[in-house]
Amino acid sequence: MPPKKGRPIGLSLAPNFAPASSFVLSDTGTFSKGGFKIKATGIMESPMRKGEVSSLTLEQLEPLQTLGSGACGTVRLARHRASGKTIALKIINITDQGQRHQVLNELHVLCALNDEHIVPLHDAFYLDGNVYLALGYCNGGSLDDLLGAYQALASSAAAVAALGLPERVLSCVLLQVLCGLRYLHANGVVHRDLKPANILFDTDGGAPRKCGRAMRRNSL
């Protein structure tokens, strides 16, 4: 049995707001929509399963530097205080209805997926108007970063720079991206934003992983 989750502290990044009528926010700080019930102590219920998803809590995570930001939210590096392991914490403000739909779409997809080529979802939390998605952290950066670094290193040799990454590197990346896409398609999911910035690497030799917007095929 997982340890009992305590009250979270330390990651209140936005002011409180009046909840909109399109979702339910209880007095105890529970965000409920689309079959999900999410608290600052994690996902308590989802359409896929009942009960806590993990023993992870928001108070156990120490926020570090910002990894990136965009229209869908901000991603910060966070450290699990007990183990020292790092995760990527995607922070999405849900005051906007479109953002709530985006969160639910990502939760539905990520909760249903389990493959080495897909960034895993560890848990999700709700606190002070934000939903936090605790995702696996790929410390090798993105394919876009790799292309930029290679181009810089090869800048002194114009012929090499023009050729780009070696074929053996690209073939490895392509093979693993295709494996990930095959898994997604087999599960009725279409990736709508496949690009070098959304193909991530582990420096320990792990497979490239894809992230970004995905949606179920039957929702198109």
N, C-alpha and C. Protein backbone atom coordinates (compact mmCIF):
# COMPACT_ATOMS: atom_id res chain seq x y z
N MET A 1 0.86 -1.20 0.00
CA MET A 1 0.00 0.00 0.00
C MET A 1 0.89 1.24 0.00
N PRO A 2 0.63 2.22 -0.90
CA PRO A 2 1.46 3.41 -0.95
C PRO A 2 1.28 4.25 0.31
N PRO A 3 2.33 4.99 0.72
CA PRO A 3 2.22 5.84 1.90
C PRO A 3 1.15 6.89 1.72
N LYS A 4 0.54 7.30 2.80
CA LYS A 4 -0.52 8.30 2.76
C LYS A 4 0.05 9.63 2.33
N LYS A 5 -0.67 10.29 1.46
CA LYS A 5 -0.19 11.56 0.94
C LYS A 5 -0.51 12.70 1.90
N GLY A 6 0.43 13.61 2.07
CA GLY A 6 0.24 14.74 2.96
C GLY A 6 -0.16 15.98 2.21
N ARG A 7 -0.33 17.07 2.93
CA ARG A 7 -0.73 18.33 2.30
C ARG A 7 0.47 18.95 1.60
N PRO A 8 0.33 19.34 0.32
CA PRO A 8 1.46 19.87 -0.44
C PRO A 8 1.79 21.30 -0.06
N ILE A 9 3.06 21.63 -0.19
CA ILE A 9 3.52 22.99 0.04
C ILE A 9 4.59 23.30 -1.00
N GLY A 10 4.85 24.58 -1.21
CA GLY A 10 6.05 24.97 -1.92
C GLY A 10 5.95 25.18 -3.43
N LEU A 11 4.82 24.86 -4.08
CA LEU A 11 4.75 25.06 -5.51
C LEU A 11 3.52 25.86 -5.91
N SER A 12 3.18 26.86 -5.15
CA SER A 12 2.06 27.73 -5.50
C SER A 12 2.59 28.83 -6.42
N LEU A 13 2.39 28.66 -7.73
CA LEU A 13 2.99 29.55 -8.70
C LEU A 13 2.02 30.55 -9.30
N ALA A 14 0.74 30.50 -8.89
CA ALA A 14 -0.25 31.41 -9.44
C ALA A 14 -1.29 31.73 -8.39
N PRO A 15 -1.91 32.91 -8.46
CA PRO A 15 -2.93 33.26 -7.48
C PRO A 15 -4.18 32.42 -7.63
N ASN A 16 -5.00 32.37 -6.56
CA ASN A 16 -6.28 31.67 -6.63
C ASN A 16 -7.21 32.40 -7.60
N PHE A 17 -8.20 31.70 -8.14
CA PHE A 17 -9.13 32.32 -9.06
C PHE A 17 -10.50 31.70 -8.87
N ALA A 18 -11.51 32.39 -9.37
CA ALA A 18 -12.87 31.87 -9.27
C ALA A 18 -13.08 30.81 -10.32
N PRO A 19 -13.43 29.59 -9.95
CA PRO A 19 -13.57 28.51 -10.92
C PRO A 19 -14.73 28.75 -11.88
N ALA A 20 -14.51 28.38 -13.14
CA ALA A 20 -15.55 28.53 -14.14
C ALA A 20 -16.56 27.40 -14.01
N SER A 21 -17.72 27.58 -14.62
CA SER A 21 -18.79 26.62 -14.44
C SER A 21 -18.57 25.33 -15.22
N SER A 22 -17.58 25.31 -16.14
CA SER A 22 -17.38 24.13 -16.97
C SER A 22 -16.60 23.03 -16.27
N PHE A 23 -16.21 23.25 -15.04
CA PHE A 23 -15.56 22.21 -14.28
C PHE A 23 -15.91 22.37 -12.82
N VAL A 24 -15.54 21.38 -12.02
CA VAL A 24 -15.89 21.39 -10.60
C VAL A 24 -14.63 21.54 -9.78
N LEU A 25 -14.65 22.50 -8.86
CA LEU A 25 -13.55 22.68 -7.92
C LEU A 25 -14.14 22.67 -6.53
N SER A 26 -13.81 21.64 -5.75
CA SER A 26 -14.40 21.49 -4.43
C SER A 26 -13.70 22.38 -3.41
N ASP A 27 -14.30 22.47 -2.22
CA ASP A 27 -13.71 23.26 -1.14
C ASP A 27 -12.37 22.69 -0.69
N THR A 28 -12.14 21.41 -0.94
CA THR A 28 -10.88 20.79 -0.53
C THR A 28 -9.80 20.90 -1.61
N GLY A 29 -10.11 21.65 -2.69
CA GLY A 29 -9.10 21.85 -3.72
C GLY A 29 -8.99 20.70 -4.69
N THR A 30 -10.10 20.10 -5.05
CA THR A 30 -10.11 18.99 -6.01
C THR A 30 -10.64 19.48 -7.35
N PHE A 31 -9.87 19.27 -8.40
CA PHE A 31 -10.28 19.60 -9.76
C PHE A 31 -10.92 18.37 -10.37
N SER A 32 -12.18 18.49 -10.78
CA SER A 32 -12.92 17.35 -11.33
C SER A 32 -13.47 17.71 -12.69
N LYS A 33 -13.13 16.89 -13.69
CA LYS A 33 -13.65 17.10 -15.04
C LYS A 33 -13.30 15.87 -15.88
N GLY A 34 -14.24 15.47 -16.74
CA GLY A 34 -13.97 14.40 -17.69
C GLY A 34 -13.63 13.07 -17.05
N GLY A 35 -14.14 12.81 -15.86
CA GLY A 35 -13.85 11.55 -15.20
C GLY A 35 -12.59 11.57 -14.36
N PHE A 36 -11.87 12.70 -14.37
CA PHE A 36 -10.66 12.84 -13.55
C PHE A 36 -10.96 13.61 -12.27
N LYS A 37 -10.36 13.18 -11.18
CA LYS A 37 -10.35 13.93 -9.93
C LYS A 37 -8.89 14.08 -9.51
N ILE A 38 -8.45 15.35 -9.50
CA ILE A 38 -7.05 15.63 -9.26
C ILE A 38 -6.91 16.59 -8.09
N LYS A 39 -6.06 16.26 -7.14
CA LYS A 39 -5.77 17.13 -6.01
C LYS A 39 -4.28 17.44 -6.01
N ALA A 40 -3.87 18.24 -5.07
CA ALA A 40 -2.45 18.54 -4.93
C ALA A 40 -1.68 17.30 -4.50
N THR A 41 -2.39 16.27 -4.08
CA THR A 41 -1.75 15.01 -3.72
C THR A 41 -1.77 14.02 -4.87
N GLY A 42 -2.22 14.44 -6.06
CA GLY A 42 -2.13 13.58 -7.22
C GLY A 42 -3.47 13.23 -7.83
N ILE A 43 -3.44 12.35 -8.84
CA ILE A 43 -4.66 11.87 -9.48
C ILE A 43 -5.33 10.87 -8.55
N MET A 44 -6.54 11.18 -8.12
CA MET A 44 -7.27 10.30 -7.22
C MET A 44 -8.19 9.35 -7.99
N GLU A 45 -8.74 9.83 -9.12
CA GLU A 45 -9.59 9.00 -9.97
C GLU A 45 -9.36 9.40 -11.42
N SER A 46 -9.48 8.42 -12.31
CA SER A 46 -9.42 8.69 -13.73
C SER A 46 -10.36 7.71 -14.43
N PRO A 47 -10.73 8.01 -15.70
CA PRO A 47 -11.62 7.08 -16.41
C PRO A 47 -10.99 5.70 -16.60
N MET A 48 -9.65 5.62 -16.52
CA MET A 48 -8.95 4.37 -16.74
C MET A 48 -8.85 3.51 -15.49
N ARG A 49 -8.84 4.16 -14.32
CA ARG A 49 -8.66 3.42 -13.08
C ARG A 49 -9.16 4.26 -11.91
N LYS A 50 -9.35 3.59 -10.78
CA LYS A 50 -9.74 4.28 -9.56
C LYS A 50 -8.60 4.18 -8.55
N GLY A 51 -8.57 5.14 -7.63
CA GLY A 51 -7.53 5.12 -6.61
C GLY A 51 -6.32 5.92 -7.03
N GLU A 52 -5.40 6.12 -6.11
CA GLU A 52 -4.22 6.93 -6.36
C GLU A 52 -3.34 6.30 -7.43
N VAL A 53 -2.78 7.15 -8.31
CA VAL A 53 -1.91 6.68 -9.37
C VAL A 53 -0.52 6.36 -8.83
N SER A 54 -0.04 7.16 -7.88
CA SER A 54 1.28 6.92 -7.29
C SER A 54 1.29 7.50 -5.88
N SER A 55 2.40 7.28 -5.18
CA SER A 55 2.56 7.85 -3.84
C SER A 55 3.26 9.21 -3.89
N LEU A 56 3.51 9.71 -5.09
CA LEU A 56 4.17 11.00 -5.28
C LEU A 56 3.24 12.13 -4.87
N THR A 57 3.79 13.17 -4.23
CA THR A 57 3.02 14.36 -3.89
C THR A 57 3.77 15.60 -4.35
N LEU A 58 3.04 16.69 -4.51
CA LEU A 58 3.64 17.92 -4.98
C LEU A 58 4.65 18.48 -3.98
N GLU A 59 4.40 18.28 -2.70
CA GLU A 59 5.31 18.81 -1.68
C GLU A 59 6.67 18.10 -1.70
N GLN A 60 6.73 16.93 -2.32
CA GLN A 60 8.00 16.20 -2.40
C GLN A 60 8.90 16.70 -3.52
N LEU A 61 8.37 17.60 -4.36
CA LEU A 61 9.11 18.07 -5.52
C LEU A 61 9.69 19.46 -5.30
N GLU A 62 10.98 19.59 -5.52
CA GLU A 62 11.66 20.88 -5.41
C GLU A 62 11.80 21.49 -6.79
N PRO A 63 11.12 22.62 -7.07
CA PRO A 63 11.20 23.23 -8.40
C PRO A 63 12.59 23.81 -8.66
N LEU A 64 13.08 23.56 -9.87
CA LEU A 64 14.38 24.08 -10.28
C LEU A 64 14.20 25.03 -11.46
N GLN A 65 15.11 25.02 -12.40
CA GLN A 65 15.06 25.99 -13.49
C GLN A 65 13.98 25.66 -14.50
N THR A 66 13.60 26.70 -15.25
CA THR A 66 12.62 26.54 -16.33
C THR A 66 13.29 25.91 -17.53
N LEU A 67 12.65 24.88 -18.08
CA LEU A 67 13.19 24.19 -19.25
C LEU A 67 12.65 24.78 -20.55
N GLY A 68 11.44 25.33 -20.49
CA GLY A 68 10.84 25.90 -21.69
C GLY A 68 9.43 26.38 -21.39
N SER A 69 8.89 27.14 -22.31
CA SER A 69 7.52 27.63 -22.14
C SER A 69 6.91 27.87 -23.51
N GLY A 70 5.58 27.83 -23.54
CA GLY A 70 4.87 28.05 -24.79
C GLY A 70 3.42 28.32 -24.52
N ALA A 71 2.60 28.23 -25.57
CA ALA A 71 1.18 28.53 -25.45
C ALA A 71 0.47 27.56 -24.52
N CYS A 72 0.99 26.34 -24.40
CA CYS A 72 0.33 25.32 -23.59
C CYS A 72 0.79 25.31 -22.13
N GLY A 73 1.78 26.13 -21.78
CA GLY A 73 2.23 26.17 -20.40
C GLY A 73 3.74 26.26 -20.29
N THR A 74 4.21 26.08 -19.08
CA THR A 74 5.64 26.15 -18.77
C THR A 74 6.12 24.80 -18.26
N VAL A 75 7.32 24.42 -18.65
CA VAL A 75 7.93 23.18 -18.17
C VAL A 75 9.13 23.52 -17.31
N ARG A 76 9.12 23.03 -16.08
CA ARG A 76 10.22 23.26 -15.16
C ARG A 76 10.86 21.93 -14.75
N LEU A 77 12.15 21.98 -14.53
CA LEU A 77 12.84 20.83 -13.97
C LEU A 77 12.53 20.80 -12.48
N ALA A 78 12.28 19.62 -11.93
CA ALA A 78 12.00 19.48 -10.50
C ALA A 78 12.75 18.27 -9.97
N ARG A 79 13.14 18.34 -8.72
CA ARG A 79 13.86 17.25 -8.08
C ARG A 79 13.01 16.61 -7.00
N HIS A 80 12.94 15.29 -7.02
CA HIS A 80 12.26 14.56 -5.95
C HIS A 80 13.17 14.56 -4.74
N ARG A 81 12.73 15.22 -3.67
CA ARG A 81 13.61 15.46 -2.54
C ARG A 81 14.15 14.18 -1.91
N ALA A 82 13.33 13.16 -1.82
CA ALA A 82 13.74 11.93 -1.14
C ALA A 82 14.77 11.13 -1.93
N SER A 83 14.56 11.03 -3.24
CA SER A 83 15.44 10.18 -4.06
C SER A 83 16.50 10.95 -4.83
N GLY A 84 16.29 12.27 -5.00
CA GLY A 84 17.22 13.06 -5.79
C GLY A 84 16.99 12.96 -7.29
N LYS A 85 16.02 12.17 -7.72
CA LYS A 85 15.74 12.01 -9.14
C LYS A 85 15.04 13.24 -9.68
N THR A 86 15.25 13.52 -10.95
CA THR A 86 14.65 14.70 -11.57
C THR A 86 13.50 14.30 -12.49
N ILE A 87 12.53 15.18 -12.58
CA ILE A 87 11.39 15.01 -13.47
C ILE A 87 11.14 16.33 -14.19
N ALA A 88 10.34 16.26 -15.24
CA ALA A 88 9.89 17.48 -15.92
C ALA A 88 8.48 17.79 -15.45
N LEU A 89 8.27 18.99 -14.96
CA LEU A 89 6.98 19.39 -14.40
C LEU A 89 6.33 20.39 -15.35
N LYS A 90 5.31 19.94 -16.07
CA LYS A 90 4.59 20.81 -17.00
C LYS A 90 3.46 21.49 -16.26
N ILE A 91 3.45 22.81 -16.27
CA ILE A 91 2.51 23.61 -15.49
C ILE A 91 1.54 24.31 -16.44
N ILE A 92 0.25 24.00 -16.31
CA ILE A 92 -0.77 24.55 -17.19
C ILE A 92 -1.83 25.26 -16.37
N ASN A 93 -2.04 26.54 -16.62
CA ASN A 93 -3.08 27.29 -15.94
C ASN A 93 -4.42 26.96 -16.58
N ILE A 94 -5.42 26.62 -15.78
CA ILE A 94 -6.68 26.13 -16.32
C ILE A 94 -7.81 27.15 -16.20
N THR A 95 -7.48 28.43 -16.08
CA THR A 95 -8.53 29.45 -16.07
C THR A 95 -9.25 29.51 -17.42
N ASP A 96 -8.53 29.20 -18.48
CA ASP A 96 -9.09 29.24 -19.83
C ASP A 96 -9.69 27.88 -20.18
N GLN A 97 -10.87 27.88 -20.80
CA GLN A 97 -11.54 26.64 -21.15
C GLN A 97 -10.72 25.80 -22.12
N GLY A 98 -10.06 26.47 -23.07
CA GLY A 98 -9.24 25.75 -24.02
C GLY A 98 -8.09 25.02 -23.33
N GLN A 99 -7.52 25.65 -22.31
CA GLN A 99 -6.43 25.01 -21.58
C GLN A 99 -6.93 23.80 -20.80
N ARG A 100 -8.16 23.89 -20.27
CA ARG A 100 -8.72 22.74 -19.55
C ARG A 100 -8.92 21.57 -20.50
N HIS A 101 -9.40 21.86 -21.70
CA HIS A 101 -9.56 20.81 -22.70
C HIS A 101 -8.21 20.21 -23.07
N GLN A 102 -7.18 21.06 -23.18
CA GLN A 102 -5.84 20.58 -23.50
C GLN A 102 -5.33 19.64 -22.41
N VAL A 103 -5.55 20.03 -21.15
CA VAL A 103 -5.11 19.19 -20.03
C VAL A 103 -5.80 17.84 -20.06
N LEU A 104 -7.12 17.85 -20.24
CA LEU A 104 -7.86 16.59 -20.26
C LEU A 104 -7.44 15.71 -21.42
N ASN A 105 -7.19 16.31 -22.57
CA ASN A 105 -6.74 15.54 -23.72
C ASN A 105 -5.40 14.86 -23.43
N GLU A 106 -4.46 15.62 -22.84
CA GLU A 106 -3.15 15.06 -22.53
C GLU A 106 -3.26 13.97 -21.46
N LEU A 107 -4.10 14.20 -20.47
CA LEU A 107 -4.26 13.20 -19.41
C LEU A 107 -4.85 11.90 -19.96
N HIS A 108 -5.88 12.02 -20.79
CA HIS A 108 -6.50 10.83 -21.37
C HIS A 108 -5.48 10.02 -22.17
N VAL A 109 -4.67 10.73 -22.96
CA VAL A 109 -3.70 10.04 -23.80
C VAL A 109 -2.57 9.46 -22.96
N LEU A 110 -1.96 10.28 -22.09
CA LEU A 110 -0.79 9.84 -21.34
C LEU A 110 -1.12 8.72 -20.36
N CYS A 111 -2.31 8.76 -19.76
CA CYS A 111 -2.68 7.71 -18.82
C CYS A 111 -2.87 6.36 -19.51
N ALA A 112 -3.16 6.41 -20.82
CA ALA A 112 -3.42 5.18 -21.55
C ALA A 112 -2.17 4.60 -22.20
N LEU A 113 -1.06 5.37 -22.21
CA LEU A 113 0.13 4.94 -22.94
C LEU A 113 1.20 4.41 -22.00
N ASN A 114 1.93 3.39 -22.46
CA ASN A 114 3.04 2.84 -21.70
C ASN A 114 4.02 2.19 -22.68
N ASP A 115 4.99 2.97 -23.13
CA ASP A 115 5.94 2.48 -24.10
C ASP A 115 7.27 3.20 -23.89
N GLU A 116 8.37 2.52 -24.15
CA GLU A 116 9.68 3.10 -23.90
C GLU A 116 9.98 4.30 -24.80
N HIS A 117 9.25 4.45 -25.87
CA HIS A 117 9.50 5.56 -26.79
C HIS A 117 8.61 6.77 -26.50
N ILE A 118 7.79 6.71 -25.48
CA ILE A 118 6.88 7.80 -25.14
C ILE A 118 7.23 8.32 -23.75
N VAL A 119 7.30 9.64 -23.61
CA VAL A 119 7.58 10.23 -22.29
C VAL A 119 6.50 9.80 -21.30
N PRO A 120 6.88 9.20 -20.16
CA PRO A 120 5.87 8.69 -19.23
C PRO A 120 5.27 9.78 -18.34
N LEU A 121 4.03 9.58 -17.95
CA LEU A 121 3.37 10.43 -16.96
C LEU A 121 3.46 9.73 -15.60
N HIS A 122 4.11 10.38 -14.62
CA HIS A 122 4.22 9.81 -13.28
C HIS A 122 2.98 10.09 -12.45
N ASP A 123 2.45 11.30 -12.55
CA ASP A 123 1.26 11.69 -11.80
C ASP A 123 0.88 13.09 -12.25
N ALA A 124 -0.24 13.60 -11.74
CA ALA A 124 -0.67 14.96 -12.04
C ALA A 124 -1.25 15.56 -10.77
N PHE A 125 -1.14 16.88 -10.64
CA PHE A 125 -1.56 17.57 -9.42
C PHE A 125 -2.33 18.83 -9.78
N TYR A 126 -3.19 19.25 -8.86
CA TYR A 126 -3.90 20.52 -9.01
C TYR A 126 -3.61 21.39 -7.79
N LEU A 127 -3.24 22.64 -8.03
CA LEU A 127 -3.00 23.57 -6.92
C LEU A 127 -3.08 25.01 -7.44
N ASP A 128 -3.88 25.82 -6.77
CA ASP A 128 -3.93 27.26 -7.02
C ASP A 128 -4.12 27.63 -8.50
N GLY A 129 -5.08 26.96 -9.16
CA GLY A 129 -5.39 27.33 -10.52
C GLY A 129 -4.52 26.69 -11.58
N ASN A 130 -3.57 25.85 -11.18
CA ASN A 130 -2.69 25.18 -12.14
C ASN A 130 -2.81 23.67 -12.03
N VAL A 131 -2.71 23.00 -13.16
CA VAL A 131 -2.52 21.55 -13.18
C VAL A 131 -1.06 21.29 -13.51
N TYR A 132 -0.44 20.41 -12.72
CA TYR A 132 0.97 20.06 -12.88
C TYR A 132 1.05 18.62 -13.39
N LEU A 133 1.68 18.43 -14.54
CA LEU A 133 1.90 17.09 -15.07
C LEU A 133 3.35 16.70 -14.77
N ALA A 134 3.53 15.66 -13.96
CA ALA A 134 4.86 15.16 -13.62
C ALA A 134 5.27 14.14 -14.68
N LEU A 135 6.19 14.54 -15.55
CA LEU A 135 6.58 13.74 -16.70
C LEU A 135 8.03 13.26 -16.55
N GLY A 136 8.35 12.19 -17.26
CA GLY A 136 9.74 11.73 -17.29
C GLY A 136 10.63 12.80 -17.88
N TYR A 137 11.83 12.98 -17.30
CA TYR A 137 12.76 14.01 -17.76
C TYR A 137 13.81 13.37 -18.66
N CYS A 138 13.93 13.87 -19.88
CA CYS A 138 14.94 13.40 -20.83
C CYS A 138 16.11 14.38 -20.80
N ASN A 139 17.19 13.98 -20.14
CA ASN A 139 18.28 14.93 -19.87
C ASN A 139 19.22 15.14 -21.05
N GLY A 140 18.95 14.49 -22.18
CA GLY A 140 19.81 14.69 -23.35
C GLY A 140 19.35 15.81 -24.26
N GLY A 141 18.25 16.46 -23.91
CA GLY A 141 17.74 17.52 -24.76
C GLY A 141 16.96 16.98 -25.94
N SER A 142 16.71 17.84 -26.89
CA SER A 142 15.88 17.48 -28.04
C SER A 142 16.73 17.26 -29.29
N LEU A 143 16.11 16.70 -30.31
CA LEU A 143 16.78 16.56 -31.60
C LEU A 143 17.11 17.92 -32.18
N ASP A 144 16.28 18.90 -31.92
CA ASP A 144 16.56 20.27 -32.37
C ASP A 144 17.84 20.79 -31.72
N ASP A 145 18.02 20.52 -30.41
CA ASP A 145 19.26 20.91 -29.72
C ASP A 145 20.47 20.21 -30.34
N LEU A 146 20.30 18.90 -30.62
CA LEU A 146 21.40 18.12 -31.18
C LEU A 146 21.80 18.65 -32.55
N LEU A 147 20.82 18.98 -33.38
CA LEU A 147 21.11 19.52 -34.70
C LEU A 147 21.86 20.85 -34.60
N GLY A 148 21.41 21.69 -33.66
CA GLY A 148 22.07 22.98 -33.48
C GLY A 148 23.50 22.84 -32.99
N ALA A 149 23.72 21.92 -32.05
CA ALA A 149 25.06 21.70 -31.52
C ALA A 149 25.99 21.14 -32.59
N TYR A 150 25.48 20.21 -33.39
CA TYR A 150 26.30 19.64 -34.45
C TYR A 150 26.66 20.68 -35.49
N GLN A 151 25.70 21.52 -35.82
CA GLN A 151 25.95 22.57 -36.81
C GLN A 151 27.02 23.53 -36.31
N ALA A 152 27.00 23.84 -35.01
CA ALA A 152 27.99 24.75 -34.44
C ALA A 152 29.38 24.12 -34.47
N LEU A 153 29.45 22.83 -34.12
CA LEU A 153 30.74 22.14 -34.10
C LEU A 153 31.32 22.00 -35.51
N ALA A 154 30.43 21.86 -36.46
CA ALA A 154 30.88 21.64 -37.84
C ALA A 154 31.00 22.93 -38.63
N SER A 155 30.84 24.06 -37.98
CA SER A 155 30.84 25.34 -38.71
C SER A 155 32.17 25.63 -39.39
N SER A 156 33.25 25.06 -38.85
CA SER A 156 34.56 25.30 -39.45
C SER A 156 34.79 24.44 -40.69
N ALA A 157 33.93 23.44 -40.88
CA ALA A 157 34.04 22.59 -42.07
C ALA A 157 32.72 22.66 -42.82
N ALA A 158 32.62 23.59 -43.75
CA ALA A 158 31.35 23.88 -44.41
C ALA A 158 30.77 22.66 -45.10
N ALA A 159 31.60 21.83 -45.69
CA ALA A 159 31.09 20.66 -46.40
C ALA A 159 30.41 19.69 -45.45
N VAL A 160 31.04 19.48 -44.27
CA VAL A 160 30.47 18.59 -43.28
C VAL A 160 29.18 19.18 -42.72
N ALA A 161 29.19 20.48 -42.45
CA ALA A 161 28.01 21.12 -41.90
C ALA A 161 26.82 21.01 -42.85
N ALA A 162 27.11 21.10 -44.15
CA ALA A 162 26.03 21.04 -45.12
C ALA A 162 25.38 19.66 -45.15
N LEU A 163 26.16 18.62 -44.85
CA LEU A 163 25.64 17.26 -44.87
C LEU A 163 24.74 16.97 -43.67
N GLY A 164 24.93 17.68 -42.58
CA GLY A 164 24.13 17.45 -41.39
C GLY A 164 24.62 16.25 -40.59
N LEU A 165 23.76 15.71 -39.74
CA LEU A 165 24.13 14.60 -38.89
C LEU A 165 24.50 13.37 -39.71
N PRO A 166 25.41 12.54 -39.19
CA PRO A 166 25.79 11.32 -39.91
C PRO A 166 24.58 10.41 -40.12
N GLU A 167 24.62 9.66 -41.21
CA GLU A 167 23.50 8.80 -41.57
C GLU A 167 23.21 7.76 -40.48
N ARG A 168 24.26 7.22 -39.84
CA ARG A 168 24.04 6.19 -38.82
C ARG A 168 23.30 6.75 -37.60
N VAL A 169 23.53 8.04 -37.30
CA VAL A 169 22.81 8.67 -36.20
C VAL A 169 21.36 8.90 -36.58
N LEU A 170 21.14 9.44 -37.77
CA LEU A 170 19.78 9.70 -38.22
C LEU A 170 18.97 8.42 -38.36
N SER A 171 19.61 7.35 -38.84
CA SER A 171 18.88 6.09 -38.99
C SER A 171 18.43 5.55 -37.64
N CYS A 172 19.26 5.72 -36.60
CA CYS A 172 18.88 5.28 -35.26
C CYS A 172 17.71 6.10 -34.74
N VAL A 173 17.77 7.40 -34.92
CA VAL A 173 16.69 8.29 -34.48
C VAL A 173 15.40 7.95 -35.22
N LEU A 174 15.50 7.82 -36.53
CA LEU A 174 14.32 7.54 -37.34
C LEU A 174 13.67 6.22 -36.94
N LEU A 175 14.48 5.19 -36.72
CA LEU A 175 13.94 3.89 -36.35
C LEU A 175 13.14 3.98 -35.06
N GLN A 176 13.67 4.67 -34.07
CA GLN A 176 12.99 4.74 -32.78
C GLN A 176 11.77 5.66 -32.82
N VAL A 177 11.84 6.71 -33.62
CA VAL A 177 10.66 7.56 -33.80
C VAL A 177 9.54 6.76 -34.47
N LEU A 178 9.88 5.97 -35.47
CA LEU A 178 8.87 5.15 -36.14
C LEU A 178 8.29 4.10 -35.20
N CYS A 179 9.12 3.56 -34.30
CA CYS A 179 8.61 2.61 -33.31
C CYS A 179 7.58 3.29 -32.41
N GLY A 180 7.89 4.52 -32.00
CA GLY A 180 6.95 5.27 -31.18
C GLY A 180 5.66 5.58 -31.91
N LEU A 181 5.77 5.98 -33.17
CA LEU A 181 4.58 6.28 -33.96
C LEU A 181 3.74 5.02 -34.18
N ARG A 182 4.39 3.90 -34.42
CA ARG A 182 3.64 2.64 -34.60
C ARG A 182 2.84 2.31 -33.35
N TYR A 183 3.45 2.54 -32.17
CA TYR A 183 2.74 2.28 -30.91
C TYR A 183 1.55 3.22 -30.76
N LEU A 184 1.75 4.51 -31.06
CA LEU A 184 0.67 5.48 -30.95
C LEU A 184 -0.49 5.10 -31.88
N HIS A 185 -0.18 4.81 -33.11
CA HIS A 185 -1.23 4.50 -34.09
C HIS A 185 -1.97 3.22 -33.72
N ALA A 186 -1.24 2.26 -33.17
CA ALA A 186 -1.88 1.02 -32.75
C ALA A 186 -2.87 1.25 -31.61
N ASN A 187 -2.67 2.35 -30.87
CA ASN A 187 -3.56 2.69 -29.76
C ASN A 187 -4.51 3.82 -30.12
N GLY A 188 -4.67 4.09 -31.42
CA GLY A 188 -5.64 5.09 -31.86
C GLY A 188 -5.27 6.51 -31.54
N VAL A 189 -3.96 6.83 -31.48
CA VAL A 189 -3.51 8.17 -31.14
C VAL A 189 -2.72 8.76 -32.31
N VAL A 190 -3.02 10.01 -32.64
CA VAL A 190 -2.30 10.73 -33.69
C VAL A 190 -1.48 11.84 -33.06
N HIS A 191 -0.18 11.88 -33.35
CA HIS A 191 0.67 12.97 -32.88
C HIS A 191 0.55 14.14 -33.84
N ARG A 192 0.14 15.31 -33.34
CA ARG A 192 -0.15 16.45 -34.22
C ARG A 192 0.98 17.47 -34.27
N ASP A 193 2.08 17.21 -33.59
CA ASP A 193 3.14 18.23 -33.54
C ASP A 193 4.51 17.56 -33.54
N LEU A 194 4.71 16.64 -34.45
CA LEU A 194 5.96 15.92 -34.53
C LEU A 194 7.01 16.78 -35.22
N LYS A 195 8.05 17.16 -34.47
CA LYS A 195 9.11 18.01 -34.99
C LYS A 195 10.36 17.78 -34.15
N PRO A 196 11.54 18.22 -34.60
CA PRO A 196 12.79 17.97 -33.85
C PRO A 196 12.74 18.44 -32.40
N ALA A 197 12.05 19.55 -32.12
CA ALA A 197 11.99 20.05 -30.74
C ALA A 197 11.20 19.13 -29.82
N ASN A 198 10.36 18.25 -30.39
CA ASN A 198 9.53 17.36 -29.59
C ASN A 198 10.03 15.92 -29.60
N ILE A 199 11.25 15.71 -30.08
CA ILE A 199 11.89 14.40 -30.01
C ILE A 199 13.03 14.52 -29.00
N LEU A 200 12.90 13.83 -27.87
CA LEU A 200 13.81 14.02 -26.74
C LEU A 200 14.70 12.80 -26.53
N PHE A 201 15.87 13.04 -25.94
CA PHE A 201 16.87 12.00 -25.75
C PHE A 201 17.26 11.85 -24.28
N ASP A 202 17.69 10.65 -23.91
CA ASP A 202 18.35 10.39 -22.64
C ASP A 202 19.84 10.25 -22.89
N THR A 203 20.67 10.81 -22.03
CA THR A 203 22.12 10.70 -22.21
C THR A 203 22.66 9.34 -21.75
N ASP A 204 21.82 8.52 -21.11
CA ASP A 204 22.29 7.20 -20.68
C ASP A 204 22.09 6.14 -21.76
N GLY A 205 21.77 6.58 -22.96
CA GLY A 205 21.62 5.62 -24.06
C GLY A 205 20.20 5.19 -24.30
N GLY A 206 19.25 5.76 -23.57
CA GLY A 206 17.86 5.40 -23.75
C GLY A 206 17.33 5.87 -25.09
N ALA A 207 16.20 5.33 -25.47
CA ALA A 207 15.61 5.65 -26.77
C ALA A 207 15.12 7.07 -26.82
N PRO A 208 15.20 7.71 -28.01
CA PRO A 208 14.55 9.01 -28.17
C PRO A 208 13.06 8.89 -27.83
N ARG A 209 12.52 9.92 -27.20
CA ARG A 209 11.12 9.89 -26.81
C ARG A 209 10.43 11.11 -27.39
N LYS A 210 9.18 10.91 -27.74
CA LYS A 210 8.41 12.00 -28.33
C LYS A 210 7.52 12.63 -27.27
N CYS A 211 7.32 13.92 -27.40
CA CYS A 211 6.39 14.60 -26.51
C CYS A 211 5.64 15.63 -27.33
N GLY A 212 4.72 16.34 -26.68
CA GLY A 212 3.98 17.37 -27.39
C GLY A 212 2.52 16.99 -27.54
N ARG A 213 1.83 17.65 -28.42
CA ARG A 213 0.39 17.47 -28.55
C ARG A 213 0.06 16.15 -29.24
N ALA A 214 -0.85 15.43 -28.67
CA ALA A 214 -1.35 14.21 -29.29
C ALA A 214 -2.86 14.18 -29.11
N MET A 215 -3.54 13.47 -29.95
CA MET A 215 -4.98 13.37 -29.77
C MET A 215 -5.46 12.01 -30.26
N ARG A 216 -6.56 11.54 -29.72
CA ARG A 216 -7.11 10.27 -30.14
C ARG A 216 -7.65 10.38 -31.56
N ARG A 217 -7.43 9.31 -32.32
CA ARG A 217 -7.85 9.32 -33.71
C ARG A 217 -9.35 9.59 -33.84
N ASN A 218 -10.15 9.00 -32.92
CA ASN A 218 -11.59 9.14 -33.06
C ASN A 218 -12.11 10.50 -32.59
N SER A 219 -11.23 11.40 -32.18
CA SER A 219 -11.68 12.73 -31.79
C SER A 219 -11.43 13.76 -32.88
N LEU A 220 -10.86 13.32 -34.02
CA LEU A 220 -10.62 14.25 -35.11
C LEU A 220 -11.90 14.72 -35.76
